[in-house]
Amino acid sequence: MITTAVARLLGSLGFKIAGVAGVAGTLILGFLLITTRIDLGQVKRQNRALDDRINNRDTGLVVQLAQSDTNVATLRIALARTRAELDAKAATDAARLAETSNRLAAAERDRERARRSSGSILATKPTGDTLEAQIRDIDARVLESLK
């Protein structure tokens, strides 16, 4: 008899425990569903914000990347053009420097020849009895040295 009573007591207590466990499980499940739903809403909002940050037609990262690519291409073209202009200027300057060097060497040769001529002209006394004859003698020597 005791065993029957204990069994009945345990049976009714087990049913109550199962009922309480079921209600608690339902409450926990409901709380998890609400929390998940809130988290899902936040994830969707964050996803929309990130999608806008990436794909916005005016300020998105895709637009910024395309603009950066365009800027790089423009700068490369400008750099190539500037390099070509500098190379052309360097070639022109080298030609001018060579021409100037040639002219300088010719001027130095002329200067040396003039110095030798003037040295020989000044080393000898002019001939002639009058000042006019002496000037004509110097003039003739100068003209001769210029040939």
C-alpha atoms as a PDB file:
ATOM      1  CA  MET A   1       0.000   0.000   0.000  1.00  0.00           C
ATOM      2  CA  ILE A   2       2.721   2.371   0.839  1.00  0.00           C
ATOM      3  CA  THR A   3       4.223   1.715  -2.484  1.00  0.00           C
ATOM      4  CA  THR A   4       0.965   2.491  -4.244  1.00  0.00           C
ATOM      5  CA  ALA A   5       0.567   5.747  -2.361  1.00  0.00           C
ATOM      6  CA  VAL A   6       4.131   6.701  -3.009  1.00  0.00           C
ATOM      7  CA  ALA A   7       3.707   5.837  -6.636  1.00  0.00           C
ATOM      8  CA  ARG A   8       0.558   7.996  -6.844  1.00  0.00           C
ATOM      9  CA  LEU A   9       2.267  10.836  -5.054  1.00  0.00           C
ATOM     10  CA  LEU A  10       5.273  10.617  -7.285  1.00  0.00           C
ATOM     11  CA  GLY A  11       3.057  10.332 -10.336  1.00  0.00           C
ATOM     12  CA  SER A  12       1.111  13.487  -9.514  1.00  0.00           C
ATOM     13  CA  LEU A  13       4.295  15.262  -8.424  1.00  0.00           C
ATOM     14  CA  GLY A  14       6.030  14.169 -11.622  1.00  0.00           C
ATOM     15  CA  PHE A  15       3.138  15.530 -13.649  1.00  0.00           C
ATOM     16  CA  LYS A  16       3.396  18.859 -11.839  1.00  0.00           C
ATOM     17  CA  ILE A  17       7.160  18.913 -12.304  1.00  0.00           C
ATOM     18  CA  ALA A  18       6.739  18.115 -15.975  1.00  0.00           C
ATOM     19  CA  GLY A  19       4.170  20.886 -16.279  1.00  0.00           C
ATOM     20  CA  VAL A  20       6.429  23.394 -14.560  1.00  0.00           C
ATOM     21  CA  ALA A  21       9.332  22.258 -16.736  1.00  0.00           C
ATOM     22  CA  GLY A  22       7.179  22.627 -19.831  1.00  0.00           C
ATOM     23  CA  VAL A  23       6.139  26.161 -18.859  1.00  0.00           C
ATOM     24  CA  ALA A  24       9.724  27.075 -18.011  1.00  0.00           C
ATOM     25  CA  GLY A  25      10.912  25.616 -21.309  1.00  0.00           C
ATOM     26  CA  THR A  26       8.254  27.562 -23.185  1.00  0.00           C
ATOM     27  CA  LEU A  27       9.255  30.776 -21.391  1.00  0.00           C
ATOM     28  CA  ILE A  28      12.932  30.180 -22.141  1.00  0.00           C
ATOM     29  CA  LEU A  29      12.142  29.340 -25.756  1.00  0.00           C
ATOM     30  CA  GLY A  30      10.032  32.499 -26.061  1.00  0.00           C
ATOM     31  CA  PHE A  31      12.812  34.606 -24.553  1.00  0.00           C
ATOM     32  CA  LEU A  32      15.344  33.070 -26.952  1.00  0.00           C
ATOM     33  CA  LEU A  33      13.044  33.716 -29.918  1.00  0.00           C
ATOM     34  CA  ILE A  34      12.549  37.367 -28.901  1.00  0.00           C
ATOM     35  CA  THR A  35      16.298  37.818 -28.324  1.00  0.00           C
ATOM     36  CA  THR A  36      17.094  36.157 -31.641  1.00  0.00           C
ATOM     37  CA  ARG A  37      14.518  38.308 -33.400  1.00  0.00           C
ATOM     38  CA  ILE A  38      16.053  41.467 -31.868  1.00  0.00           C
ATOM     39  CA  ASP A  39      19.542  40.274 -32.850  1.00  0.00           C
ATOM     40  CA  LEU A  40      18.310  39.461 -36.352  1.00  0.00           C
ATOM     41  CA  GLY A  41      16.879  42.984 -36.664  1.00  0.00           C
ATOM     42  CA  GLN A  42      20.188  44.482 -35.578  1.00  0.00           C
ATOM     43  CA  VAL A  43      22.089  42.296 -38.026  1.00  0.00           C
ATOM     44  CA  LYS A  44      19.750  43.338 -40.851  1.00  0.00           C
ATOM     45  CA  ARG A  45      20.208  47.043 -39.982  1.00  0.00           C
ATOM     46  CA  GLN A  46      23.981  46.613 -39.823  1.00  0.00           C
ATOM     47  CA  ASN A  47      23.892  44.731 -43.119  1.00  0.00           C
ATOM     48  CA  ARG A  48      21.932  47.566 -44.788  1.00  0.00           C
ATOM     49  CA  ALA A  49      24.351  50.146 -43.348  1.00  0.00           C
ATOM     50  CA  LEU A  50      27.383  48.199 -44.570  1.00  0.00           C
ATOM     51  CA  ASP A  51      25.788  47.618 -47.971  1.00  0.00           C
ATOM     52  CA  ASP A  52      25.137  51.370 -48.245  1.00  0.00           C
ATOM     53  CA  ARG A  53      28.689  52.123 -47.170  1.00  0.00           C
ATOM     54  CA  ILE A  54      29.993  49.804 -49.901  1.00  0.00           C
ATOM     55  CA  ASN A  55      27.521  50.402 -52.748  1.00  0.00           C
ATOM     56  CA  ASN A  56      26.253  53.977 -52.262  1.00  0.00           C
ATOM     57  CA  ARG A  57      26.182  55.644 -55.705  1.00  0.00           C
ATOM     58  CA  ASP A  58      27.706  58.868 -54.380  1.00  0.00           C
ATOM     59  CA  THR A  59      29.978  57.951 -51.477  1.00  0.00           C
ATOM     60  CA  GLY A  60      30.299  54.154 -51.474  1.00  0.00           C
ATOM     61  CA  LEU A  61      33.592  52.341 -51.295  1.00  0.00           C
ATOM     62  CA  VAL A  62      33.042  50.960 -54.802  1.00  0.00           C
ATOM     63  CA  VAL A  63      32.737  54.534 -56.125  1.00  0.00           C
ATOM     64  CA  GLN A  64      35.776  55.620 -54.129  1.00  0.00           C
ATOM     65  CA  LEU A  65      37.797  52.701 -55.479  1.00  0.00           C
ATOM     66  CA  ALA A  66      36.777  53.514 -59.050  1.00  0.00           C
ATOM     67  CA  GLN A  67      37.739  57.165 -58.484  1.00  0.00           C
ATOM     68  CA  SER A  68      41.088  56.079 -57.038  1.00  0.00           C
ATOM     69  CA  ASP A  69      41.722  53.857 -60.068  1.00  0.00           C
ATOM     70  CA  THR A  70      40.877  56.779 -62.364  1.00  0.00           C
ATOM     71  CA  ASN A  71      43.172  59.092 -60.402  1.00  0.00           C
ATOM     72  CA  VAL A  72      46.043  56.594 -60.597  1.00  0.00           C
ATOM     73  CA  ALA A  73      45.576  56.229 -64.361  1.00  0.00           C
ATOM     74  CA  THR A  74      45.477  60.018 -64.795  1.00  0.00           C
ATOM     75  CA  LEU A  75      48.632  60.451 -62.720  1.00  0.00           C
ATOM     76  CA  ARG A  76      50.436  57.739 -64.681  1.00  0.00           C
ATOM     77  CA  ILE A  77      49.571  59.453 -67.957  1.00  0.00           C
ATOM     78  CA  ALA A  78      50.695  62.827 -66.590  1.00  0.00           C
ATOM     79  CA  LEU A  79      53.900  61.289 -65.249  1.00  0.00           C
ATOM     80  CA  ALA A  80      54.676  59.660 -68.610  1.00  0.00           C
ATOM     81  CA  ARG A  81      54.023  62.964 -70.418  1.00  0.00           C
ATOM     82  CA  THR A  82      56.199  64.882 -67.942  1.00  0.00           C
ATOM     83  CA  ARG A  83      58.963  62.290 -68.261  1.00  0.00           C
ATOM     84  CA  ALA A  84      58.827  62.564 -72.078  1.00  0.00           C
ATOM     85  CA  GLU A  85      58.942  66.362 -71.870  1.00  0.00           C
ATOM     86  CA  LEU A  86      61.912  66.219 -69.494  1.00  0.00           C
ATOM     87  CA  ASP A  87      63.718  63.741 -71.756  1.00  0.00           C
ATOM     88  CA  ALA A  88      63.131  66.023 -74.751  1.00  0.00           C
ATOM     89  CA  LYS A  89      64.334  69.045 -72.767  1.00  0.00           C
ATOM     90  CA  ALA A  90      67.415  67.117 -71.615  1.00  0.00           C
ATOM     91  CA  ALA A  91      68.226  66.243 -75.240  1.00  0.00           C
ATOM     92  CA  THR A  92      67.741  69.867 -76.313  1.00  0.00           C
ATOM     93  CA  ASP A  93      69.858  71.100 -73.413  1.00  0.00           C
ATOM     94  CA  ALA A  94      72.599  68.576 -74.212  1.00  0.00           C
ATOM     95  CA  ALA A  95      72.668  69.789 -77.828  1.00  0.00           C
ATOM     96  CA  ARG A  96      72.804  73.414 -76.678  1.00  0.00           C
ATOM     97  CA  LEU A  97      75.585  72.593 -74.226  1.00  0.00           C
ATOM     98  CA  ALA A  98      77.591  70.873 -76.955  1.00  0.00           C
ATOM     99  CA  GLU A  99      77.098  73.858 -79.300  1.00  0.00           C
ATOM    100  CA  THR A 100      78.084  76.271 -76.533  1.00  0.00           C
ATOM    101  CA  SER A 101      81.171  74.191 -75.729  1.00  0.00           C
ATOM    102  CA  ASN A 102      82.168  74.220 -79.416  1.00  0.00           C
ATOM    103  CA  ARG A 103      81.704  77.992 -79.598  1.00  0.00           C
ATOM    104  CA  LEU A 104      83.677  78.485 -76.403  1.00  0.00           C
ATOM    105  CA  ALA A 105      86.548  76.361 -77.742  1.00  0.00           C
ATOM    106  CA  ALA A 106      86.524  78.360 -81.009  1.00  0.00           C
ATOM    107  CA  ALA A 107      86.504  81.647 -79.083  1.00  0.00           C
ATOM    108  CA  GLU A 108      89.428  80.473 -76.947  1.00  0.00           C
ATOM    109  CA  ARG A 109      91.373  79.496 -80.095  1.00  0.00           C
ATOM    110  CA  ASP A 110      90.622  82.922 -81.622  1.00  0.00           C
ATOM    111  CA  ARG A 111      91.683  84.624 -78.407  1.00  0.00           C
ATOM    112  CA  GLU A 112      94.981  82.737 -78.345  1.00  0.00           C
ATOM    113  CA  ARG A 113      95.651  83.524 -82.011  1.00  0.00           C
ATOM    114  CA  ALA A 114      94.833  87.190 -81.358  1.00  0.00           C
ATOM    115  CA  ARG A 115      97.140  87.212 -78.328  1.00  0.00           C
ATOM    116  CA  ARG A 116     100.015  85.812 -80.403  1.00  0.00           C
ATOM    117  CA  SER A 117      99.327  88.281 -83.204  1.00  0.00           C
ATOM    118  CA  SER A 118      99.036  91.217 -80.883  1.00  0.00           C
ATOM    119  CA  GLY A 119     102.217  90.119 -79.106  1.00  0.00           C
ATOM    120  CA  SER A 120     104.154  90.130 -82.368  1.00  0.00           C
ATOM    121  CA  ILE A 121     102.566  93.432 -83.430  1.00  0.00           C
ATOM    122  CA  LEU A 122     103.395  95.078 -80.120  1.00  0.00           C
ATOM    123  CA  ALA A 123     106.874  93.537 -79.973  1.00  0.00           C
ATOM    124  CA  THR A 124     108.075  95.329 -83.116  1.00  0.00           C
ATOM    125  CA  LYS A 125     108.215  99.058 -83.456  1.00  0.00           C
ATOM    126  CA  PRO A 126     106.069 100.577 -86.172  1.00  0.00           C
ATOM    127  CA  THR A 127     107.970 101.754 -89.224  1.00  0.00           C
ATOM    128  CA  GLY A 128     107.511 105.121 -90.839  1.00  0.00           C
ATOM    129  CA  ASP A 129     108.715 108.657 -90.461  1.00  0.00           C
ATOM    130  CA  THR A 130     105.389 110.213 -89.632  1.00  0.00           C
ATOM    131  CA  LEU A 131     102.707 109.267 -87.167  1.00  0.00           C
ATOM    132  CA  GLU A 132     100.386 108.547 -90.083  1.00  0.00           C
ATOM    133  CA  ALA A 133     102.908 106.121 -91.621  1.00  0.00           C
ATOM    134  CA  GLN A 134     103.375 104.388 -88.294  1.00  0.00           C
ATOM    135  CA  ILE A 135      99.575 104.019 -87.852  1.00  0.00           C
ATOM    136  CA  ARG A 136      99.334 102.616 -91.400  1.00  0.00           C
ATOM    137  CA  ASP A 137     102.103 100.135 -90.601  1.00  0.00           C
ATOM    138  CA  ILE A 138     100.301  98.991 -87.414  1.00  0.00           C
ATOM    139  CA  ASP A 139      96.997  98.832 -89.336  1.00  0.00           C
ATOM    140  CA  ALA A 140      98.586  96.678 -92.063  1.00  0.00           C
ATOM    141  CA  ARG A 141     100.008  94.298 -89.448  1.00  0.00           C
ATOM    142  CA  VAL A 142      96.626  94.047 -87.708  1.00  0.00           C
ATOM    143  CA  LEU A 143      94.872  93.342 -91.024  1.00  0.00           C
ATOM    144  CA  GLU A 144      97.504  90.735 -91.876  1.00  0.00           C
ATOM    145  CA  SER A 145      97.022  89.027 -88.498  1.00  0.00           C
ATOM    146  CA  LEU A 146      93.281  88.809 -89.063  1.00  0.00           C
ATOM    147  CA  LYS A 147      93.645  86.783 -92.267  1.00  0.00           C
END
